[in-house]
Amino acid sequence: MRCHVYKSRTRPDTYIYLAEKDDFDALPDALRQRLGMLEPVLEFDLTPERRLARSDAATVIAALQAQGFHLQLPPGQAETA
């Protein structure tokens, strides 16, 4: 599956993975407001076997399929949307 990653300009080390390029409508309004401007940083093919720095690939894929996005917060912060 193709994956599009964006970083928040206002929240350091906070990233959003999207199933569709620039599909910010997939994000809940409250989350979109908290993240502010998003800047594209990476686009890649995501497979269950792929190693990611801070997330499990299977977890990211499941979130992308279920809700169209995955939120990655800095270490030590709980992931809530």
N, C-alpha and C. Protein backbone atom coordinates (compact mmCIF):
# COMPACT_ATOMS: atom_id res chain seq x y z
N MET A 1 0.85 -1.17 0.00
CA MET A 1 0.00 0.00 0.00
C MET A 1 0.89 1.24 0.00
N ARG A 2 0.49 2.24 -0.76
CA ARG A 2 1.24 3.50 -0.80
C ARG A 2 0.89 4.31 0.45
N CYS A 3 1.90 4.93 1.04
CA CYS A 3 1.74 5.68 2.28
C CYS A 3 2.35 7.06 2.11
N HIS A 4 1.67 8.07 2.61
CA HIS A 4 2.11 9.46 2.50
C HIS A 4 2.26 10.02 3.91
N VAL A 5 3.46 10.52 4.21
CA VAL A 5 3.77 10.97 5.56
C VAL A 5 3.95 12.48 5.57
N TYR A 6 3.35 13.13 6.57
CA TYR A 6 3.41 14.58 6.74
C TYR A 6 3.85 14.88 8.17
N LYS A 7 4.59 15.97 8.34
CA LYS A 7 4.96 16.37 9.69
C LYS A 7 4.24 17.67 10.03
N SER A 8 3.96 17.81 11.31
CA SER A 8 3.32 19.02 11.81
C SER A 8 4.39 20.10 11.94
N ARG A 9 4.09 21.28 11.45
CA ARG A 9 5.03 22.40 11.58
C ARG A 9 5.01 23.00 12.98
N THR A 10 3.93 22.76 13.72
CA THR A 10 3.80 23.37 15.05
C THR A 10 4.07 22.40 16.19
N ARG A 11 4.07 21.09 15.92
CA ARG A 11 4.30 20.08 16.96
C ARG A 11 5.49 19.22 16.55
N PRO A 12 6.64 19.45 17.16
CA PRO A 12 7.84 18.69 16.80
C PRO A 12 7.65 17.17 16.95
N ASP A 13 8.26 16.44 16.04
CA ASP A 13 8.24 14.97 16.05
C ASP A 13 6.85 14.37 16.01
N THR A 14 5.89 15.09 15.42
CA THR A 14 4.53 14.59 15.26
C THR A 14 4.26 14.42 13.77
N TYR A 15 3.86 13.19 13.41
CA TYR A 15 3.67 12.84 12.01
C TYR A 15 2.31 12.22 11.79
N ILE A 16 1.77 12.44 10.58
CA ILE A 16 0.52 11.83 10.14
C ILE A 16 0.84 11.00 8.91
N TYR A 17 0.43 9.74 8.95
CA TYR A 17 0.51 8.86 7.79
C TYR A 17 -0.87 8.86 7.15
N LEU A 18 -0.93 9.09 5.85
CA LEU A 18 -2.21 9.07 5.14
C LEU A 18 -2.21 7.99 4.07
N ALA A 19 -3.36 7.37 3.87
CA ALA A 19 -3.52 6.36 2.83
C ALA A 19 -3.59 7.02 1.46
N GLU A 20 -4.13 8.23 1.40
CA GLU A 20 -4.28 8.97 0.15
C GLU A 20 -3.52 10.28 0.25
N LYS A 21 -2.80 10.63 -0.79
CA LYS A 21 -2.01 11.87 -0.80
C LYS A 21 -2.91 13.08 -0.57
N ASP A 22 -2.51 13.91 0.38
CA ASP A 22 -3.20 15.17 0.71
C ASP A 22 -4.66 14.98 1.13
N ASP A 23 -5.03 13.81 1.63
CA ASP A 23 -6.41 13.55 2.05
C ASP A 23 -6.61 13.98 3.51
N PHE A 24 -6.49 15.27 3.75
CA PHE A 24 -6.62 15.80 5.10
C PHE A 24 -8.05 15.72 5.63
N ASP A 25 -9.02 15.48 4.74
CA ASP A 25 -10.40 15.30 5.17
C ASP A 25 -10.57 14.02 5.99
N ALA A 26 -9.61 13.09 5.89
CA ALA A 26 -9.66 11.85 6.68
C ALA A 26 -9.40 12.12 8.16
N LEU A 27 -8.81 13.27 8.47
CA LEU A 27 -8.48 13.61 9.85
C LEU A 27 -9.67 14.25 10.56
N PRO A 28 -9.90 13.88 11.82
CA PRO A 28 -10.94 14.57 12.59
C PRO A 28 -10.59 16.06 12.71
N ASP A 29 -11.60 16.90 12.71
CA ASP A 29 -11.37 18.35 12.75
C ASP A 29 -10.50 18.78 13.92
N ALA A 30 -10.75 18.23 15.11
CA ALA A 30 -9.97 18.61 16.29
C ALA A 30 -8.49 18.27 16.12
N LEU A 31 -8.21 17.12 15.54
CA LEU A 31 -6.83 16.71 15.31
C LEU A 31 -6.18 17.62 14.28
N ARG A 32 -6.90 17.91 13.23
CA ARG A 32 -6.37 18.78 12.17
C ARG A 32 -6.00 20.15 12.74
N GLN A 33 -6.82 20.68 13.62
CA GLN A 33 -6.56 21.98 14.23
C GLN A 33 -5.34 21.93 15.15
N ARG A 34 -5.22 20.85 15.93
CA ARG A 34 -4.07 20.72 16.84
C ARG A 34 -2.75 20.60 16.09
N LEU A 35 -2.77 19.95 14.94
CA LEU A 35 -1.53 19.74 14.19
C LEU A 35 -1.10 20.97 13.40
N GLY A 36 -2.03 21.82 13.06
CA GLY A 36 -1.70 23.01 12.27
C GLY A 36 -1.29 22.63 10.85
N MET A 37 -0.39 23.41 10.29
CA MET A 37 0.07 23.17 8.93
C MET A 37 0.86 21.87 8.87
N LEU A 38 0.60 21.08 7.83
CA LEU A 38 1.30 19.82 7.64
C LEU A 38 2.19 19.92 6.40
N GLU A 39 3.38 19.41 6.52
CA GLU A 39 4.37 19.47 5.45
C GLU A 39 4.71 18.05 5.00
N PRO A 40 4.63 17.77 3.69
CA PRO A 40 4.96 16.42 3.22
C PRO A 40 6.45 16.13 3.45
N VAL A 41 6.74 14.91 3.92
CA VAL A 41 8.13 14.55 4.17
C VAL A 41 8.54 13.25 3.50
N LEU A 42 7.59 12.36 3.22
CA LEU A 42 7.97 11.05 2.72
C LEU A 42 6.78 10.36 2.07
N GLU A 43 7.07 9.58 1.06
CA GLU A 43 6.06 8.76 0.39
C GLU A 43 6.73 7.43 0.07
N PHE A 44 6.08 6.33 0.46
CA PHE A 44 6.71 5.02 0.24
C PHE A 44 5.66 3.92 0.21
N ASP A 45 6.10 2.74 -0.26
CA ASP A 45 5.24 1.56 -0.24
C ASP A 45 5.36 0.90 1.11
N LEU A 46 4.24 0.74 1.79
CA LEU A 46 4.21 0.17 3.13
C LEU A 46 3.72 -1.27 3.06
N THR A 47 4.53 -2.17 3.58
CA THR A 47 4.18 -3.59 3.66
C THR A 47 4.29 -4.03 5.12
N PRO A 48 3.64 -5.11 5.50
CA PRO A 48 3.74 -5.58 6.89
C PRO A 48 5.17 -5.89 7.33
N GLU A 49 6.03 -6.22 6.38
CA GLU A 49 7.40 -6.57 6.70
C GLU A 49 8.32 -5.36 6.86
N ARG A 50 7.88 -4.23 6.42
CA ARG A 50 8.73 -3.03 6.45
C ARG A 50 8.99 -2.57 7.88
N ARG A 51 10.23 -2.22 8.15
CA ARG A 51 10.59 -1.70 9.47
C ARG A 51 10.40 -0.19 9.49
N LEU A 52 9.71 0.28 10.50
CA LEU A 52 9.51 1.71 10.69
C LEU A 52 10.22 2.13 11.98
N ALA A 53 10.61 3.39 12.06
CA ALA A 53 11.39 3.87 13.20
C ALA A 53 10.63 3.78 14.52
N ARG A 54 9.37 4.21 14.55
CA ARG A 54 8.64 4.29 15.82
C ARG A 54 7.31 3.57 15.83
N SER A 55 6.92 2.98 14.75
CA SER A 55 5.62 2.32 14.69
C SER A 55 5.77 0.94 14.07
N ASP A 56 4.83 0.08 14.39
CA ASP A 56 4.76 -1.24 13.80
C ASP A 56 4.02 -1.12 12.46
N ALA A 57 4.60 -1.63 11.40
CA ALA A 57 4.02 -1.49 10.07
C ALA A 57 2.60 -2.06 10.00
N ALA A 58 2.36 -3.20 10.62
CA ALA A 58 1.02 -3.81 10.59
C ALA A 58 0.00 -2.91 11.29
N THR A 59 0.41 -2.25 12.37
CA THR A 59 -0.48 -1.33 13.08
C THR A 59 -0.81 -0.12 12.21
N VAL A 60 0.18 0.41 11.52
CA VAL A 60 -0.03 1.55 10.63
C VAL A 60 -0.96 1.17 9.49
N ILE A 61 -0.71 0.01 8.89
CA ILE A 61 -1.56 -0.45 7.79
C ILE A 61 -3.01 -0.60 8.25
N ALA A 62 -3.21 -1.19 9.42
CA ALA A 62 -4.57 -1.38 9.94
C ALA A 62 -5.26 -0.03 10.15
N ALA A 63 -4.54 0.95 10.70
CA ALA A 63 -5.12 2.28 10.91
C ALA A 63 -5.44 2.95 9.58
N LEU A 64 -4.55 2.83 8.61
CA LEU A 64 -4.79 3.44 7.30
C LEU A 64 -6.03 2.82 6.64
N GLN A 65 -6.18 1.52 6.76
CA GLN A 65 -7.34 0.85 6.15
C GLN A 65 -8.64 1.19 6.89
N ALA A 66 -8.56 1.30 8.21
CA ALA A 66 -9.77 1.54 9.01
C ALA A 66 -10.22 2.99 8.99
N GLN A 67 -9.26 3.93 9.11
CA GLN A 67 -9.65 5.33 9.25
C GLN A 67 -8.98 6.28 8.27
N GLY A 68 -8.05 5.77 7.46
CA GLY A 68 -7.41 6.60 6.45
C GLY A 68 -6.19 7.35 6.93
N PHE A 69 -5.86 7.23 8.24
CA PHE A 69 -4.67 7.91 8.77
C PHE A 69 -4.12 7.18 9.98
N HIS A 70 -2.87 7.48 10.28
CA HIS A 70 -2.22 7.00 11.50
C HIS A 70 -1.45 8.17 12.10
N LEU A 71 -1.63 8.41 13.38
CA LEU A 71 -0.95 9.49 14.09
C LEU A 71 0.28 8.94 14.81
N GLN A 72 1.43 9.54 14.57
CA GLN A 72 2.65 9.17 15.27
C GLN A 72 3.12 10.35 16.08
N LEU A 73 3.09 10.21 17.40
CA LEU A 73 3.51 11.26 18.32
C LEU A 73 4.94 11.02 18.79
N PRO A 74 5.57 12.04 19.38
CA PRO A 74 6.91 11.86 19.93
C PRO A 74 6.90 10.77 21.00
N PRO A 75 8.04 10.14 21.22
CA PRO A 75 8.11 9.10 22.26
C PRO A 75 7.61 9.62 23.60
N GLY A 76 6.87 8.76 24.31
CA GLY A 76 6.38 9.13 25.64
C GLY A 76 5.00 9.78 25.64
N GLN A 77 4.44 10.09 24.49
CA GLN A 77 3.11 10.68 24.42
C GLN A 77 2.11 9.64 23.94
N ALA A 78 0.95 9.61 24.54
CA ALA A 78 -0.10 8.66 24.15
C ALA A 78 -0.71 9.08 22.82
N GLU A 79 -1.00 8.10 21.97
CA GLU A 79 -1.62 8.38 20.67
C GLU A 79 -3.12 8.36 20.81
N THR A 80 -3.73 9.55 20.71
CA THR A 80 -5.18 9.67 20.71
C THR A 80 -5.57 10.62 19.61
N ALA A 81 -6.69 10.38 18.99
CA ALA A 81 -7.12 11.24 17.89
C ALA A 81 -8.20 12.16 18.32
